[in-house]
N, C-alpha and C. Protein backbone atom coordinates (compact mmCIF):
# COMPACT_ATOMS: atom_id res chain seq x y z
N MET A 1 12.63 -29.67 -213.81
CA MET A 1 13.49 -28.69 -213.19
C MET A 1 12.61 -27.70 -212.43
N TYR A 2 13.08 -27.28 -211.29
CA TYR A 2 12.30 -26.41 -210.41
C TYR A 2 12.25 -24.98 -210.93
N ARG A 3 11.04 -24.47 -211.09
CA ARG A 3 10.83 -23.07 -211.44
C ARG A 3 9.93 -22.46 -210.38
N GLY A 4 10.50 -21.59 -209.58
CA GLY A 4 9.69 -20.87 -208.61
C GLY A 4 9.08 -19.65 -209.27
N PRO A 5 8.28 -18.91 -208.53
CA PRO A 5 7.70 -17.70 -209.10
C PRO A 5 8.81 -16.74 -209.55
N ALA A 6 8.77 -16.32 -210.79
CA ALA A 6 9.72 -15.35 -211.36
C ALA A 6 11.18 -15.80 -211.23
N ARG A 7 11.41 -17.10 -211.24
CA ARG A 7 12.78 -17.61 -211.15
C ARG A 7 13.06 -18.54 -212.31
N PRO A 8 14.30 -18.55 -212.78
CA PRO A 8 14.66 -19.52 -213.82
C PRO A 8 14.81 -20.92 -213.20
N ALA A 9 14.84 -21.92 -214.04
CA ALA A 9 15.03 -23.29 -213.57
C ALA A 9 16.37 -23.39 -212.84
N ASN A 10 16.41 -24.18 -211.75
CA ASN A 10 17.63 -24.34 -210.97
C ASN A 10 17.68 -25.76 -210.42
N HIS A 11 18.78 -26.44 -210.69
CA HIS A 11 18.93 -27.84 -210.30
C HIS A 11 18.94 -28.01 -208.78
N SER A 12 19.63 -27.15 -208.06
CA SER A 12 19.68 -27.26 -206.59
C SER A 12 18.29 -27.06 -205.98
N ARG A 13 17.56 -26.08 -206.47
CA ARG A 13 16.20 -25.89 -205.97
C ARG A 13 15.33 -27.11 -206.27
N PHE A 14 15.49 -27.67 -207.46
CA PHE A 14 14.71 -28.86 -207.80
C PHE A 14 14.99 -29.98 -206.79
N ILE A 15 16.27 -30.26 -206.54
CA ILE A 15 16.62 -31.36 -205.64
C ILE A 15 16.08 -31.15 -204.24
N PHE A 16 16.20 -29.94 -203.70
CA PHE A 16 15.87 -29.73 -202.29
C PHE A 16 14.49 -29.14 -202.03
N LEU A 17 13.86 -28.55 -203.01
CA LEU A 17 12.57 -27.90 -202.75
C LEU A 17 11.39 -28.53 -203.49
N ASP A 18 11.66 -29.38 -204.44
CA ASP A 18 10.58 -29.99 -205.22
C ASP A 18 10.43 -31.45 -204.81
N PRO A 19 9.29 -31.84 -204.24
CA PRO A 19 9.12 -33.22 -203.79
C PRO A 19 9.24 -34.25 -204.92
N ARG A 20 9.05 -33.83 -206.16
CA ARG A 20 9.18 -34.77 -207.29
C ARG A 20 10.62 -35.25 -207.47
N ALA A 21 11.58 -34.53 -206.94
CA ALA A 21 12.99 -34.92 -207.09
C ALA A 21 13.27 -36.26 -206.43
N HIS A 22 12.58 -36.57 -205.34
CA HIS A 22 12.80 -37.85 -204.65
C HIS A 22 12.41 -39.03 -205.54
N ASN A 23 11.43 -38.84 -206.40
CA ASN A 23 11.05 -39.89 -207.34
C ASN A 23 11.93 -39.87 -208.58
N PHE A 24 12.32 -38.68 -209.02
CA PHE A 24 13.14 -38.56 -210.23
C PHE A 24 14.50 -39.21 -210.05
N TYR A 25 15.09 -39.05 -208.87
CA TYR A 25 16.40 -39.66 -208.58
C TYR A 25 16.19 -40.89 -207.70
N PRO A 26 16.34 -42.10 -208.25
CA PRO A 26 16.20 -43.31 -207.43
C PRO A 26 17.14 -43.30 -206.22
N ASP A 27 18.34 -42.73 -206.37
CA ASP A 27 19.27 -42.57 -205.25
C ASP A 27 19.34 -41.07 -204.93
N TRP A 28 18.23 -40.55 -204.40
CA TRP A 28 18.13 -39.13 -204.13
C TRP A 28 19.23 -38.65 -203.19
N ASP A 29 19.54 -39.44 -202.18
CA ASP A 29 20.54 -39.06 -201.19
C ASP A 29 21.89 -38.78 -201.86
N ARG A 30 22.28 -39.65 -202.77
CA ARG A 30 23.54 -39.47 -203.50
C ARG A 30 23.48 -38.22 -204.37
N ALA A 31 22.37 -38.03 -205.08
CA ALA A 31 22.23 -36.84 -205.94
C ALA A 31 22.31 -35.56 -205.11
N ALA A 32 21.69 -35.57 -203.94
CA ALA A 32 21.72 -34.40 -203.07
C ALA A 32 23.14 -34.14 -202.56
N ASN A 33 23.85 -35.19 -202.15
CA ASN A 33 25.22 -35.03 -201.66
C ASN A 33 26.14 -34.47 -202.74
N VAL A 34 26.04 -34.99 -203.94
CA VAL A 34 26.89 -34.53 -205.04
C VAL A 34 26.56 -33.07 -205.37
N ASN A 35 25.27 -32.74 -205.39
CA ASN A 35 24.87 -31.37 -205.70
C ASN A 35 25.46 -30.38 -204.71
N VAL A 36 25.38 -30.69 -203.42
CA VAL A 36 25.91 -29.78 -202.41
C VAL A 36 27.43 -29.69 -202.49
N ALA A 37 28.10 -30.81 -202.74
CA ALA A 37 29.56 -30.79 -202.85
C ALA A 37 30.01 -29.89 -204.00
N ILE A 38 29.32 -29.96 -205.11
CA ILE A 38 29.66 -29.12 -206.27
C ILE A 38 29.34 -27.65 -205.97
N LEU A 39 28.19 -27.41 -205.34
CA LEU A 39 27.82 -26.03 -205.00
C LEU A 39 28.82 -25.43 -204.02
N ARG A 40 29.26 -26.22 -203.05
CA ARG A 40 30.24 -25.72 -202.08
C ARG A 40 31.57 -25.41 -202.77
N ARG A 41 31.96 -26.27 -203.71
CA ARG A 41 33.20 -26.01 -204.46
C ARG A 41 33.08 -24.71 -205.25
N ASP A 42 31.95 -24.53 -205.91
CA ASP A 42 31.74 -23.30 -206.68
C ASP A 42 31.71 -22.07 -205.78
N ALA A 43 31.12 -22.20 -204.60
CA ALA A 43 31.09 -21.08 -203.65
C ALA A 43 32.51 -20.74 -203.19
N GLY A 44 33.35 -21.75 -203.01
CA GLY A 44 34.73 -21.50 -202.62
C GLY A 44 35.53 -20.83 -203.72
N ARG A 45 35.25 -21.20 -204.95
CA ARG A 45 35.94 -20.58 -206.10
C ARG A 45 35.49 -19.14 -206.34
N ASN A 46 34.26 -18.86 -205.96
CA ASN A 46 33.67 -17.54 -206.22
C ASN A 46 33.07 -16.98 -204.92
N PRO A 47 33.91 -16.64 -203.95
CA PRO A 47 33.39 -16.26 -202.63
C PRO A 47 32.55 -14.97 -202.62
N HIS A 48 32.65 -14.17 -203.63
CA HIS A 48 31.89 -12.91 -203.67
C HIS A 48 30.70 -12.96 -204.63
N ASP A 49 30.36 -14.16 -205.11
CA ASP A 49 29.25 -14.31 -206.04
C ASP A 49 27.93 -14.19 -205.27
N LYS A 50 27.20 -13.12 -205.53
CA LYS A 50 25.95 -12.85 -204.81
C LYS A 50 24.87 -13.87 -205.12
N ASP A 51 24.84 -14.37 -206.35
CA ASP A 51 23.82 -15.36 -206.72
C ASP A 51 24.02 -16.67 -205.97
N ILE A 52 25.28 -17.12 -205.86
CA ILE A 52 25.55 -18.35 -205.12
C ILE A 52 25.21 -18.15 -203.65
N ALA A 53 25.62 -17.02 -203.08
CA ALA A 53 25.33 -16.74 -201.67
C ALA A 53 23.82 -16.71 -201.42
N ALA A 54 23.08 -16.10 -202.33
CA ALA A 54 21.62 -16.02 -202.18
C ALA A 54 20.99 -17.41 -202.27
N LEU A 55 21.48 -18.22 -203.20
CA LEU A 55 20.95 -19.58 -203.34
C LEU A 55 21.23 -20.40 -202.09
N VAL A 56 22.46 -20.35 -201.59
CA VAL A 56 22.81 -21.09 -200.38
C VAL A 56 21.95 -20.62 -199.21
N GLY A 57 21.76 -19.31 -199.09
CA GLY A 57 20.92 -18.78 -198.02
C GLY A 57 19.48 -19.26 -198.12
N GLU A 58 18.94 -19.20 -199.33
CA GLU A 58 17.56 -19.65 -199.54
C GLU A 58 17.40 -21.14 -199.20
N LEU A 59 18.29 -21.96 -199.73
CA LEU A 59 18.19 -23.39 -199.48
C LEU A 59 18.42 -23.72 -198.00
N SER A 60 19.31 -23.00 -197.35
CA SER A 60 19.56 -23.22 -195.93
C SER A 60 18.33 -22.90 -195.09
N MET A 61 17.59 -21.89 -195.48
CA MET A 61 16.38 -21.52 -194.74
C MET A 61 15.21 -22.45 -195.04
N ARG A 62 15.14 -22.97 -196.25
CA ARG A 62 13.95 -23.72 -196.67
C ARG A 62 14.09 -25.23 -196.62
N SER A 63 15.32 -25.75 -196.46
CA SER A 63 15.50 -27.20 -196.52
C SER A 63 16.44 -27.69 -195.42
N ASP A 64 15.89 -28.47 -194.50
CA ASP A 64 16.73 -29.10 -193.46
C ASP A 64 17.75 -30.03 -194.10
N GLU A 65 17.34 -30.72 -195.16
CA GLU A 65 18.24 -31.67 -195.83
C GLU A 65 19.44 -30.95 -196.44
N PHE A 66 19.20 -29.79 -197.05
CA PHE A 66 20.31 -29.01 -197.61
C PHE A 66 21.20 -28.51 -196.48
N ARG A 67 20.59 -27.95 -195.45
CA ARG A 67 21.34 -27.35 -194.35
C ARG A 67 22.30 -28.37 -193.72
N ALA A 68 21.85 -29.59 -193.51
CA ALA A 68 22.71 -30.63 -192.91
C ALA A 68 23.87 -30.97 -193.83
N ARG A 69 23.61 -31.07 -195.11
CA ARG A 69 24.69 -31.39 -196.06
C ARG A 69 25.68 -30.23 -196.20
N TRP A 70 25.17 -29.01 -196.20
CA TRP A 70 26.06 -27.85 -196.32
C TRP A 70 27.00 -27.79 -195.11
N ALA A 71 26.48 -28.10 -193.93
CA ALA A 71 27.28 -28.06 -192.70
C ALA A 71 28.37 -29.12 -192.69
N ALA A 72 28.24 -30.16 -193.50
CA ALA A 72 29.25 -31.23 -193.55
C ALA A 72 30.53 -30.79 -194.26
N HIS A 73 30.49 -29.68 -194.99
CA HIS A 73 31.67 -29.12 -195.68
C HIS A 73 32.30 -30.07 -196.68
N ASN A 74 31.51 -30.87 -197.36
CA ASN A 74 32.03 -31.77 -198.39
C ASN A 74 32.26 -30.96 -199.66
N VAL A 75 33.51 -30.95 -200.13
CA VAL A 75 33.87 -30.19 -201.33
C VAL A 75 34.55 -31.14 -202.30
N ARG A 76 33.95 -31.33 -203.47
CA ARG A 76 34.61 -32.14 -204.49
C ARG A 76 33.88 -31.96 -205.81
N ARG A 77 34.53 -32.44 -206.83
CA ARG A 77 33.95 -32.38 -208.17
C ARG A 77 33.94 -33.80 -208.72
N HIS A 78 32.82 -34.18 -209.26
CA HIS A 78 32.67 -35.51 -209.85
C HIS A 78 32.74 -35.36 -211.37
N TYR A 79 33.80 -35.87 -211.96
CA TYR A 79 33.99 -35.71 -213.41
C TYR A 79 33.44 -36.88 -214.22
N SER A 80 33.22 -38.01 -213.58
CA SER A 80 32.66 -39.14 -214.32
C SER A 80 31.99 -40.09 -213.34
N GLY A 81 31.09 -40.89 -213.88
CA GLY A 81 30.39 -41.85 -213.04
C GLY A 81 29.11 -42.31 -213.71
N THR A 82 28.21 -42.81 -212.90
CA THR A 82 26.91 -43.29 -213.38
C THR A 82 25.82 -42.62 -212.55
N LYS A 83 24.77 -42.19 -213.23
CA LYS A 83 23.61 -41.62 -212.54
C LYS A 83 22.36 -42.37 -212.99
N PHE A 84 21.39 -42.38 -212.10
CA PHE A 84 20.11 -43.03 -212.37
C PHE A 84 19.01 -41.98 -212.29
N PHE A 85 18.09 -42.05 -213.25
CA PHE A 85 16.97 -41.11 -213.31
C PHE A 85 15.69 -41.91 -213.56
N ASN A 86 14.60 -41.51 -212.93
CA ASN A 86 13.28 -42.08 -213.20
C ASN A 86 12.55 -41.13 -214.13
N HIS A 87 12.47 -41.47 -215.40
CA HIS A 87 11.74 -40.63 -216.35
C HIS A 87 10.27 -41.00 -216.27
N PRO A 88 9.36 -40.02 -216.27
CA PRO A 88 7.94 -40.33 -216.11
C PRO A 88 7.33 -41.16 -217.23
N VAL A 89 7.96 -41.21 -218.39
CA VAL A 89 7.41 -41.97 -219.51
C VAL A 89 8.18 -43.26 -219.75
N VAL A 90 9.49 -43.19 -219.85
CA VAL A 90 10.28 -44.37 -220.22
C VAL A 90 10.84 -45.12 -219.02
N GLY A 91 10.65 -44.61 -217.83
CA GLY A 91 11.09 -45.32 -216.63
C GLY A 91 12.55 -45.08 -216.28
N LEU A 92 13.15 -46.09 -215.68
CA LEU A 92 14.50 -45.97 -215.14
C LEU A 92 15.54 -45.83 -216.25
N LEU A 93 16.37 -44.80 -216.12
CA LEU A 93 17.49 -44.58 -217.05
C LEU A 93 18.78 -44.70 -216.25
N GLU A 94 19.70 -45.50 -216.75
CA GLU A 94 21.04 -45.60 -216.18
C GLU A 94 22.00 -45.00 -217.20
N LEU A 95 22.58 -43.86 -216.84
CA LEU A 95 23.44 -43.14 -217.78
C LEU A 95 24.80 -42.88 -217.16
N THR A 96 25.84 -43.15 -217.94
CA THR A 96 27.17 -42.76 -217.50
C THR A 96 27.29 -41.26 -217.78
N TYR A 97 28.23 -40.62 -217.12
CA TYR A 97 28.43 -39.20 -217.43
C TYR A 97 29.91 -38.86 -217.40
N GLN A 98 30.23 -37.85 -218.16
CA GLN A 98 31.59 -37.31 -218.23
C GLN A 98 31.45 -35.79 -218.23
N ALA A 99 32.09 -35.14 -217.27
CA ALA A 99 32.04 -33.68 -217.17
C ALA A 99 33.38 -33.10 -217.59
N MET A 100 33.32 -32.03 -218.37
CA MET A 100 34.53 -31.38 -218.86
C MET A 100 34.45 -29.89 -218.59
N GLU A 101 35.47 -29.36 -217.94
CA GLU A 101 35.56 -27.91 -217.72
C GLU A 101 35.85 -27.25 -219.06
N LEU A 102 35.18 -26.16 -219.35
CA LEU A 102 35.39 -25.45 -220.60
C LEU A 102 36.48 -24.39 -220.39
N GLU A 103 37.65 -24.67 -220.90
CA GLU A 103 38.81 -23.79 -220.67
C GLU A 103 38.58 -22.37 -221.16
N ASP A 104 37.90 -22.21 -222.28
CA ASP A 104 37.68 -20.88 -222.84
C ASP A 104 36.49 -20.16 -222.22
N ASP A 105 35.79 -20.83 -221.31
CA ASP A 105 34.62 -20.24 -220.67
C ASP A 105 34.64 -20.62 -219.18
N PRO A 106 35.53 -19.99 -218.40
CA PRO A 106 35.69 -20.36 -216.99
C PRO A 106 34.37 -20.36 -216.23
N GLY A 107 34.23 -21.35 -215.38
CA GLY A 107 33.02 -21.46 -214.58
C GLY A 107 31.93 -22.29 -215.23
N HIS A 108 32.15 -22.71 -216.48
CA HIS A 108 31.15 -23.53 -217.17
C HIS A 108 31.70 -24.93 -217.40
N THR A 109 30.81 -25.89 -217.28
CA THR A 109 31.15 -27.29 -217.46
C THR A 109 30.18 -27.91 -218.45
N LEU A 110 30.69 -28.71 -219.34
CA LEU A 110 29.86 -29.48 -220.27
C LEU A 110 29.79 -30.90 -219.74
N THR A 111 28.59 -31.40 -219.51
CA THR A 111 28.41 -32.77 -219.03
C THR A 111 27.64 -33.56 -220.08
N VAL A 112 28.19 -34.70 -220.45
CA VAL A 112 27.59 -35.57 -221.46
C VAL A 112 27.07 -36.82 -220.75
N TYR A 113 25.85 -37.25 -221.10
CA TYR A 113 25.21 -38.41 -220.48
C TYR A 113 24.88 -39.47 -221.53
N PRO A 114 25.84 -40.26 -221.97
CA PRO A 114 25.51 -41.33 -222.93
C PRO A 114 24.99 -42.57 -222.20
N ALA A 115 24.23 -43.36 -222.92
CA ALA A 115 23.80 -44.66 -222.40
C ALA A 115 24.73 -45.73 -222.95
N VAL A 116 24.84 -46.83 -222.24
CA VAL A 116 25.65 -47.95 -222.73
C VAL A 116 24.99 -48.49 -224.00
N PRO A 117 25.76 -48.64 -225.08
CA PRO A 117 25.18 -49.16 -226.33
C PRO A 117 24.47 -50.50 -226.12
N GLY A 118 23.28 -50.60 -226.68
CA GLY A 118 22.50 -51.83 -226.60
C GLY A 118 21.72 -52.00 -225.31
N SER A 119 21.83 -51.05 -224.40
CA SER A 119 21.15 -51.16 -223.10
C SER A 119 19.70 -50.68 -223.20
N PRO A 120 18.86 -51.06 -222.23
CA PRO A 120 17.49 -50.53 -222.21
C PRO A 120 17.47 -49.00 -222.13
N SER A 121 18.46 -48.42 -221.47
CA SER A 121 18.52 -46.96 -221.39
C SER A 121 18.78 -46.34 -222.76
N GLU A 122 19.61 -46.98 -223.57
CA GLU A 122 19.85 -46.47 -224.92
C GLU A 122 18.55 -46.50 -225.73
N GLU A 123 17.80 -47.59 -225.62
CA GLU A 123 16.53 -47.69 -226.33
C GLU A 123 15.55 -46.61 -225.85
N ALA A 124 15.53 -46.37 -224.55
CA ALA A 124 14.64 -45.34 -224.00
C ALA A 124 15.03 -43.95 -224.52
N LEU A 125 16.33 -43.67 -224.58
CA LEU A 125 16.77 -42.37 -225.10
C LEU A 125 16.43 -42.22 -226.58
N LYS A 126 16.55 -43.30 -227.33
CA LYS A 126 16.19 -43.25 -228.75
C LYS A 126 14.70 -42.93 -228.91
N LEU A 127 13.88 -43.55 -228.06
CA LEU A 127 12.44 -43.29 -228.11
C LEU A 127 12.15 -41.82 -227.79
N LEU A 128 12.78 -41.30 -226.74
CA LEU A 128 12.58 -39.89 -226.38
C LEU A 128 13.06 -38.97 -227.49
N ALA A 129 14.19 -39.30 -228.10
CA ALA A 129 14.73 -38.47 -229.20
C ALA A 129 13.78 -38.48 -230.39
N SER A 130 13.18 -39.63 -230.68
CA SER A 130 12.25 -39.68 -231.82
C SER A 130 11.01 -38.85 -231.53
N TRP A 131 10.55 -38.85 -230.30
CA TRP A 131 9.40 -38.01 -229.94
C TRP A 131 9.76 -36.55 -230.09
N ALA A 132 10.93 -36.16 -229.62
CA ALA A 132 11.35 -34.76 -229.70
C ALA A 132 11.48 -34.34 -231.16
N ALA A 133 12.05 -35.20 -231.99
CA ALA A 133 12.22 -34.88 -233.41
C ALA A 133 10.86 -34.74 -234.08
N THR A 134 9.93 -35.63 -233.77
CA THR A 134 8.59 -35.58 -234.34
C THR A 134 7.88 -34.31 -233.91
N GLU A 135 8.01 -33.95 -232.64
CA GLU A 135 7.37 -32.74 -232.14
C GLU A 135 7.93 -31.50 -232.82
N ASN A 136 9.24 -31.47 -233.06
CA ASN A 136 9.85 -30.33 -233.74
C ASN A 136 9.34 -30.20 -235.17
N ILE A 137 9.15 -31.30 -235.85
CA ILE A 137 8.65 -31.26 -237.22
C ILE A 137 7.22 -30.75 -237.24
N VAL A 138 6.40 -31.23 -236.32
CA VAL A 138 5.00 -30.82 -236.26
C VAL A 138 4.87 -29.34 -235.92
N GLN A 139 5.73 -28.84 -235.02
CA GLN A 139 5.62 -27.45 -234.58
C GLN A 139 6.35 -26.46 -235.47
N SER A 140 7.19 -26.93 -236.37
CA SER A 140 7.95 -26.02 -237.23
C SER A 140 7.00 -25.31 -238.18
N PRO A 141 7.15 -23.99 -238.30
CA PRO A 141 6.29 -23.27 -239.25
C PRO A 141 6.67 -23.65 -240.68
N LYS A 142 5.67 -23.75 -241.49
CA LYS A 142 5.91 -24.08 -242.89
C LYS A 142 6.43 -22.84 -243.60
N PRO A 143 7.43 -22.99 -244.46
CA PRO A 143 7.94 -21.82 -245.17
C PRO A 143 6.85 -21.22 -246.05
N SER A 144 6.86 -19.92 -246.10
CA SER A 144 5.85 -19.21 -246.88
C SER A 144 6.49 -18.71 -248.17
N LEU A 145 5.81 -18.93 -249.27
CA LEU A 145 6.30 -18.43 -250.55
C LEU A 145 5.29 -17.39 -251.01
N ASP A 146 5.47 -16.18 -250.53
CA ASP A 146 4.56 -15.09 -250.87
C ASP A 146 5.26 -14.20 -251.88
N LEU A 147 4.93 -14.38 -253.15
CA LEU A 147 5.58 -13.62 -254.21
C LEU A 147 5.18 -12.16 -254.20
N ARG A 148 4.05 -11.86 -253.60
CA ARG A 148 3.61 -10.46 -253.56
C ARG A 148 4.53 -9.62 -252.69
N ALA A 149 5.23 -10.22 -251.75
CA ALA A 149 6.09 -9.46 -250.85
C ALA A 149 7.41 -9.09 -251.49
N SER A 150 7.80 -9.78 -252.55
CA SER A 150 9.10 -9.47 -253.16
C SER A 150 8.99 -8.25 -254.06
N THR A 151 10.09 -7.54 -254.16
CA THR A 151 10.12 -6.36 -255.04
C THR A 151 10.91 -6.70 -256.28
N LYS A 152 10.82 -5.84 -257.26
CA LYS A 152 11.50 -6.06 -258.53
C LYS A 152 12.99 -6.25 -258.31
N GLY A 153 13.55 -7.28 -258.92
CA GLY A 153 14.97 -7.56 -258.84
C GLY A 153 15.33 -8.50 -257.70
N GLU A 154 14.40 -8.81 -256.78
CA GLU A 154 14.68 -9.75 -255.69
C GLU A 154 14.20 -11.12 -256.08
N VAL A 155 14.86 -12.10 -255.55
CA VAL A 155 14.46 -13.49 -255.81
C VAL A 155 13.83 -14.06 -254.58
């Protein structure tokens, strides 16, 4: 994910400003089109949102590819489909996705990316999950049992 100086990670910046995005998305053109369509929809829903306006302005100035897509005025929301990702360790991942608007939290969407059961992508995700779980165990601080810190009557 793209992190500029003093900026949080941002998916749109990653797609249009980070050259690694072209390798990460085997179908970069499709990923870019979908990203702009969703951003345009969000901008239409929130016309006075300064953060969206600033992001669109920044991307328009810094990316010819973004500027051309923004000018096309494509507005839509993709709630389900298939996406492809090139992971640097496990390789190509083919994941279906389902996006759900969170009714109790307007403006937020939960997107789930499962792999088809038994597929190479499922095996790759299992491998990545096992690495993450192992890393969490290794980095977790060990509980300390310091009896000197307790006071009378505490357990």
